[in-house]
Amino acid sequence: MKRTLYIMLMIIMTTSFTTLTSCREEHKDTGDKIEDAIDDTGDAIEEGAEDVEDGIEDAVDDN
């Protein structure tokens, strides 16, 4: 009796876990991918601008 109960509980837990986990949550849609790419590009531009600014400041300090 106990063994049957444990087996049934394991089946219920396994099916409820797989039911609650959706594939849609793991995949981004196209709009999210574009937004992430735009954010990454903006961050890269800001970092490049800061590097240029630091280079200019260093050149001015040397003179």
PDB file of N, CA and C in Angstrom:
ATOM      1  N   MET A   1       0.818  -1.195   0.000  1.00  0.00           N
ATOM      2  CA  MET A   1       0.000   0.000   0.000  1.00  0.00           C
ATOM      3  C   MET A   1       0.867   1.266   0.000  1.00  0.00           C
ATOM      4  N   LYS A   2       1.883   1.294   0.874  1.00  0.00           N
ATOM      5  CA  LYS A   2       2.751   2.448   0.947  1.00  0.00           C
ATOM      6  C   LYS A   2       3.516   2.629  -0.362  1.00  0.00           C
ATOM      7  N   ARG A   3       3.966   1.520  -0.918  1.00  0.00           N
ATOM      8  CA  ARG A   3       4.742   1.599  -2.149  1.00  0.00           C
ATOM      9  C   ARG A   3       3.893   2.182  -3.273  1.00  0.00           C
ATOM     10  N   THR A   4       2.670   1.770  -3.378  1.00  0.00           N
ATOM     11  CA  THR A   4       1.767   2.281  -4.402  1.00  0.00           C
ATOM     12  C   THR A   4       1.530   3.776  -4.195  1.00  0.00           C
ATOM     13  N   LEU A   5       1.371   4.179  -2.964  1.00  0.00           N
ATOM     14  CA  LEU A   5       1.164   5.589  -2.652  1.00  0.00           C
ATOM     15  C   LEU A   5       2.385   6.414  -3.051  1.00  0.00           C
ATOM     16  N   TYR A   6       3.582   5.925  -2.724  1.00  0.00           N
ATOM     17  CA  TYR A   6       4.803   6.628  -3.096  1.00  0.00           C
ATOM     18  C   TYR A   6       4.957   6.733  -4.603  1.00  0.00           C
ATOM     19  N   ILE A   7       4.647   5.674  -5.313  1.00  0.00           N
ATOM     20  CA  ILE A   7       4.737   5.691  -6.773  1.00  0.00           C
ATOM     21  C   ILE A   7       3.760   6.709  -7.352  1.00  0.00           C
ATOM     22  N   MET A   8       2.546   6.733  -6.841  1.00  0.00           N
ATOM     23  CA  MET A   8       1.545   7.690  -7.326  1.00  0.00           C
ATOM     24  C   MET A   8       1.988   9.130  -7.035  1.00  0.00           C
ATOM     25  N   LEU A   9       2.533   9.362  -5.859  1.00  0.00           N
ATOM     26  CA  LEU A   9       3.026  10.703  -5.518  1.00  0.00           C
ATOM     27  C   LEU A   9       4.165  11.126  -6.436  1.00  0.00           C
ATOM     28  N   MET A  10       5.068  10.224  -6.738  1.00  0.00           N
ATOM     29  CA  MET A  10       6.168  10.538  -7.641  1.00  0.00           C
ATOM     30  C   MET A  10       5.646  10.872  -9.039  1.00  0.00           C
ATOM     31  N   ILE A  11       4.654  10.132  -9.503  1.00  0.00           N
ATOM     32  CA  ILE A  11       4.071  10.400 -10.822  1.00  0.00           C
ATOM     33  C   ILE A  11       3.410  11.770 -10.840  1.00  0.00           C
ATOM     34  N   ILE A  12       2.668  12.078  -9.802  1.00  0.00           N
ATOM     35  CA  ILE A  12       1.989  13.376  -9.722  1.00  0.00           C
ATOM     36  C   ILE A  12       3.007  14.509  -9.666  1.00  0.00           C
ATOM     37  N   MET A  13       4.052  14.342  -8.864  1.00  0.00           N
ATOM     38  CA  MET A  13       5.070  15.391  -8.756  1.00  0.00           C
ATOM     39  C   MET A  13       5.801  15.593 -10.077  1.00  0.00           C
ATOM     40  N   THR A  14       6.104  14.516 -10.757  1.00  0.00           N
ATOM     41  CA  THR A  14       6.809  14.613 -12.027  1.00  0.00           C
ATOM     42  C   THR A  14       5.953  15.288 -13.087  1.00  0.00           C
ATOM     43  N   THR A  15       4.703  14.913 -13.180  1.00  0.00           N
ATOM     44  CA  THR A  15       3.835  15.519 -14.196  1.00  0.00           C
ATOM     45  C   THR A  15       3.541  16.971 -13.876  1.00  0.00           C
ATOM     46  N   SER A  16       3.389  17.306 -12.615  1.00  0.00           N
ATOM     47  CA  SER A  16       3.116  18.706 -12.284  1.00  0.00           C
ATOM     48  C   SER A  16       4.349  19.566 -12.549  1.00  0.00           C
ATOM     49  N   PHE A  17       5.544  19.028 -12.320  1.00  0.00           N
ATOM     50  CA  PHE A  17       6.769  19.783 -12.602  1.00  0.00           C
ATOM     51  C   PHE A  17       6.917  20.038 -14.093  1.00  0.00           C
ATOM     52  N   THR A  18       6.688  19.033 -14.907  1.00  0.00           N
ATOM     53  CA  THR A  18       6.820  19.211 -16.347  1.00  0.00           C
ATOM     54  C   THR A  18       5.711  20.088 -16.904  1.00  0.00           C
ATOM     55  N   THR A  19       4.558  20.076 -16.278  1.00  0.00           N
ATOM     56  CA  THR A  19       3.459  20.920 -16.730  1.00  0.00           C
ATOM     57  C   THR A  19       3.729  22.387 -16.411  1.00  0.00           C
ATOM     58  N   LEU A  20       4.313  22.650 -15.266  1.00  0.00           N
ATOM     59  CA  LEU A  20       4.581  24.022 -14.854  1.00  0.00           C
ATOM     60  C   LEU A  20       5.750  24.637 -15.616  1.00  0.00           C
ATOM     61  N   THR A  21       6.636  23.815 -16.154  1.00  0.00           N
ATOM     62  CA  THR A  21       7.771  24.305 -16.923  1.00  0.00           C
ATOM     63  C   THR A  21       7.356  24.424 -18.374  1.00  0.00           C
ATOM     64  N   SER A  22       7.373  25.635 -18.868  1.00  0.00           N
ATOM     65  CA  SER A  22       6.933  25.877 -20.233  1.00  0.00           C
ATOM     66  C   SER A  22       8.119  26.200 -21.119  1.00  0.00           C
ATOM     67  N   CYS A  23       8.076  25.788 -22.352  1.00  0.00           N
ATOM     68  CA  CYS A  23       9.148  26.079 -23.306  1.00  0.00           C
ATOM     69  C   CYS A  23       9.176  27.560 -23.662  1.00  0.00           C
ATOM     70  N   ARG A  24       8.036  28.198 -23.609  1.00  0.00           N
ATOM     71  CA  ARG A  24       7.963  29.610 -23.976  1.00  0.00           C
ATOM     72  C   ARG A  24       8.761  30.482 -23.032  1.00  0.00           C
ATOM     73  N   GLU A  25       8.890  30.083 -21.791  1.00  0.00           N
ATOM     74  CA  GLU A  25       9.615  30.891 -20.828  1.00  0.00           C
ATOM     75  C   GLU A  25      11.106  30.905 -21.132  1.00  0.00           C
ATOM     76  N   GLU A  26      11.617  29.871 -21.777  1.00  0.00           N
ATOM     77  CA  GLU A  26      13.039  29.770 -22.031  1.00  0.00           C
ATOM     78  C   GLU A  26      13.457  30.495 -23.298  1.00  0.00           C
ATOM     79  N   HIS A  27      12.554  30.671 -24.250  1.00  0.00           N
ATOM     80  CA  HIS A  27      12.897  31.268 -25.527  1.00  0.00           C
ATOM     81  C   HIS A  27      12.427  32.716 -25.583  1.00  0.00           C
ATOM     82  N   LYS A  28      13.279  33.554 -26.151  1.00  0.00           N
ATOM     83  CA  LYS A  28      12.915  34.955 -26.323  1.00  0.00           C
ATOM     84  C   LYS A  28      12.281  35.123 -27.701  1.00  0.00           C
ATOM     85  N   ASP A  29      11.360  36.034 -27.776  1.00  0.00           N
ATOM     86  CA  ASP A  29      10.793  36.312 -29.093  1.00  0.00           C
ATOM     87  C   ASP A  29      11.695  37.302 -29.825  1.00  0.00           C
ATOM     88  N   THR A  30      11.382  37.554 -31.062  1.00  0.00           N
ATOM     89  CA  THR A  30      12.228  38.392 -31.909  1.00  0.00           C
ATOM     90  C   THR A  30      12.373  39.799 -31.349  1.00  0.00           C
ATOM     91  N   GLY A  31      11.299  40.351 -30.822  1.00  0.00           N
ATOM     92  CA  GLY A  31      11.354  41.708 -30.260  1.00  0.00           C
ATOM     93  C   GLY A  31      12.331  41.798 -29.100  1.00  0.00           C
ATOM     94  N   ASP A  32      12.341  40.787 -28.234  1.00  0.00           N
ATOM     95  CA  ASP A  32      13.275  40.786 -27.104  1.00  0.00           C
ATOM     96  C   ASP A  32      14.723  40.672 -27.587  1.00  0.00           C
ATOM     97  N   LYS A  33      14.946  39.849 -28.614  1.00  0.00           N
ATOM     98  CA  LYS A  33      16.303  39.707 -29.146  1.00  0.00           C
ATOM     99  C   LYS A  33      16.789  41.019 -29.747  1.00  0.00           C
ATOM    100  N   ILE A  34      15.917  41.714 -30.471  1.00  0.00           N
ATOM    101  CA  ILE A  34      16.287  43.002 -31.070  1.00  0.00           C
ATOM    102  C   ILE A  34      16.587  44.018 -29.982  1.00  0.00           C
ATOM    103  N   GLU A  35      15.757  44.046 -28.962  1.00  0.00           N
ATOM    104  CA  GLU A  35      15.965  44.991 -27.866  1.00  0.00           C
ATOM    105  C   GLU A  35      17.287  44.715 -27.153  1.00  0.00           C
ATOM    106  N   ASP A  36      17.610  43.453 -26.937  1.00  0.00           N
ATOM    107  CA  ASP A  36      18.888  43.106 -26.307  1.00  0.00           C
ATOM    108  C   ASP A  36      20.062  43.535 -27.186  1.00  0.00           C
ATOM    109  N   ALA A  37      19.939  43.335 -28.488  1.00  0.00           N
ATOM    110  CA  ALA A  37      21.015  43.726 -29.404  1.00  0.00           C
ATOM    111  C   ALA A  37      21.211  45.236 -29.395  1.00  0.00           C
ATOM    112  N   ILE A  38      20.121  45.983 -29.353  1.00  0.00           N
ATOM    113  CA  ILE A  38      20.207  47.443 -29.310  1.00  0.00           C
ATOM    114  C   ILE A  38      20.870  47.893 -28.007  1.00  0.00           C
ATOM    115  N   ASP A  39      20.489  47.280 -26.892  1.00  0.00           N
ATOM    116  CA  ASP A  39      21.105  47.622 -25.608  1.00  0.00           C
ATOM    117  C   ASP A  39      22.597  47.320 -25.612  1.00  0.00           C
ATOM    118  N   ASP A  40      22.988  46.167 -26.161  1.00  0.00           N
ATOM    119  CA  ASP A  40      24.401  45.802 -26.218  1.00  0.00           C
ATOM    120  C   ASP A  40      25.186  46.771 -27.095  1.00  0.00           C
ATOM    121  N   THR A  41      24.588  47.177 -28.210  1.00  0.00           N
ATOM    122  CA  THR A  41      25.248  48.127 -29.101  1.00  0.00           C
ATOM    123  C   THR A  41      25.419  49.473 -28.413  1.00  0.00           C
ATOM    124  N   GLY A  42      24.398  49.922 -27.715  1.00  0.00           N
ATOM    125  CA  GLY A  42      24.487  51.186 -26.985  1.00  0.00           C
ATOM    126  C   GLY A  42      25.558  51.139 -25.911  1.00  0.00           C
ATOM    127  N   ASP A  43      25.646  50.024 -25.207  1.00  0.00           N
ATOM    128  CA  ASP A  43      26.686  49.880 -24.183  1.00  0.00           C
ATOM    129  C   ASP A  43      28.075  49.909 -24.804  1.00  0.00           C
ATOM    130  N   ALA A  44      28.233  49.247 -25.948  1.00  0.00           N
ATOM    131  CA  ALA A  44      29.532  49.235 -26.622  1.00  0.00           C
ATOM    132  C   ALA A  44      29.921  50.636 -27.091  1.00  0.00           C
ATOM    133  N   ILE A  45      28.967  51.393 -27.592  1.00  0.00           N
ATOM    134  CA  ILE A  45      29.241  52.768 -28.036  1.00  0.00           C
ATOM    135  C   ILE A  45      29.657  53.636 -26.847  1.00  0.00           C
ATOM    136  N   GLU A  46      28.965  53.494 -25.719  1.00  0.00           N
ATOM    137  CA  GLU A  46      29.322  54.265 -24.529  1.00  0.00           C
ATOM    138  C   GLU A  46      30.727  53.927 -24.051  1.00  0.00           C
ATOM    139  N   GLU A  47      31.068  52.645 -24.050  1.00  0.00           N
ATOM    140  CA  GLU A  47      32.406  52.245 -23.622  1.00  0.00           C
ATOM    141  C   GLU A  47      33.469  52.801 -24.571  1.00  0.00           C
ATOM    142  N   GLY A  48      33.187  52.762 -25.871  1.00  0.00           N
ATOM    143  CA  GLY A  48      34.124  53.316 -26.847  1.00  0.00           C
ATOM    144  C   GLY A  48      34.306  54.802 -26.661  1.00  0.00           C
ATOM    145  N   ALA A  49      33.220  55.512 -26.407  1.00  0.00           N
ATOM    146  CA  ALA A  49      33.301  56.960 -26.188  1.00  0.00           C
ATOM    147  C   ALA A  49      34.108  57.268 -24.933  1.00  0.00           C
ATOM    148  N   GLU A  50      33.943  56.482 -23.892  1.00  0.00           N
ATOM    149  CA  GLU A  50      34.712  56.692 -22.670  1.00  0.00           C
ATOM    150  C   GLU A  50      36.198  56.430 -22.910  1.00  0.00           C
ATOM    151  N   ASP A  51      36.513  55.417 -23.732  1.00  0.00           N
ATOM    152  CA  ASP A  51      37.914  55.136 -24.050  1.00  0.00           C
ATOM    153  C   ASP A  51      38.538  56.289 -24.824  1.00  0.00           C
ATOM    154  N   VAL A  52      37.781  56.845 -25.771  1.00  0.00           N
ATOM    155  CA  VAL A  52      38.274  57.990 -26.538  1.00  0.00           C
ATOM    156  C   VAL A  52      38.480  59.186 -25.619  1.00  0.00           C
ATOM    157  N   GLU A  53      37.545  59.427 -24.737  1.00  0.00           N
ATOM    158  CA  GLU A  53      37.655  60.538 -23.793  1.00  0.00           C
ATOM    159  C   GLU A  53      38.889  60.372 -22.904  1.00  0.00           C
ATOM    160  N   ASP A  54      39.111  59.145 -22.412  1.00  0.00           N
ATOM    161  CA  ASP A  54      40.299  58.901 -21.587  1.00  0.00           C
ATOM    162  C   ASP A  54      41.579  59.123 -22.387  1.00  0.00           C
ATOM    163  N   GLY A  55      41.581  58.690 -23.636  1.00  0.00           N
ATOM    164  CA  GLY A  55      42.763  58.902 -24.490  1.00  0.00           C
ATOM    165  C   GLY A  55      43.033  60.365 -24.720  1.00  0.00           C
ATOM    166  N   ILE A  56      42.002  61.155 -24.941  1.00  0.00           N
ATOM    167  CA  ILE A  56      42.166  62.593 -25.154  1.00  0.00           C
ATOM    168  C   ILE A  56      42.695  63.258 -23.883  1.00  0.00           C
ATOM    169  N   GLU A  57      42.126  62.885 -22.743  1.00  0.00           N
ATOM    170  CA  GLU A  57      42.590  63.453 -21.480  1.00  0.00           C
ATOM    171  C   GLU A  57      44.050  63.111 -21.224  1.00  0.00           C
ATOM    172  N   ASP A  58      44.451  61.878 -21.537  1.00  0.00           N
ATOM    173  CA  ASP A  58      45.843  61.481 -21.345  1.00  0.00           C
ATOM    174  C   ASP A  58      46.760  62.268 -22.279  1.00  0.00           C
ATOM    175  N   ALA A  59      46.324  62.493 -23.514  1.00  0.00           N
ATOM    176  CA  ALA A  59      47.131  63.265 -24.474  1.00  0.00           C
ATOM    177  C   ALA A  59      47.266  64.704 -24.019  1.00  0.00           C
ATOM    178  N   VAL A  60      46.219  65.284 -23.476  1.00  0.00           N
ATOM    179  CA  VAL A  60      46.266  66.666 -22.999  1.00  0.00           C
ATOM    180  C   VAL A  60      47.168  66.757 -21.781  1.00  0.00           C
ATOM    181  N   ASP A  61      47.096  65.773 -20.897  1.00  0.00           N
ATOM    182  CA  ASP A  61      47.932  65.788 -19.692  1.00  0.00           C
ATOM    183  C   ASP A  61      49.413  65.663 -20.041  1.00  0.00           C
ATOM    184  N   ASP A  62      49.731  64.931 -21.112  1.00  0.00           N
ATOM    185  CA  ASP A  62      51.121  64.749 -21.520  1.00  0.00           C
ATOM    186  C   ASP A  62      51.711  66.034 -22.065  1.00  0.00           C
ATOM    187  N   ASN A  63      50.890  66.903 -22.627  1.00  0.00           N
ATOM    188  CA  ASN A  63      51.399  68.157 -23.213  1.00  0.00           C
ATOM    189  C   ASN A  63      51.418  69.187 -22.166  1.00  0.00           C
TER     190      ASN A  63
END
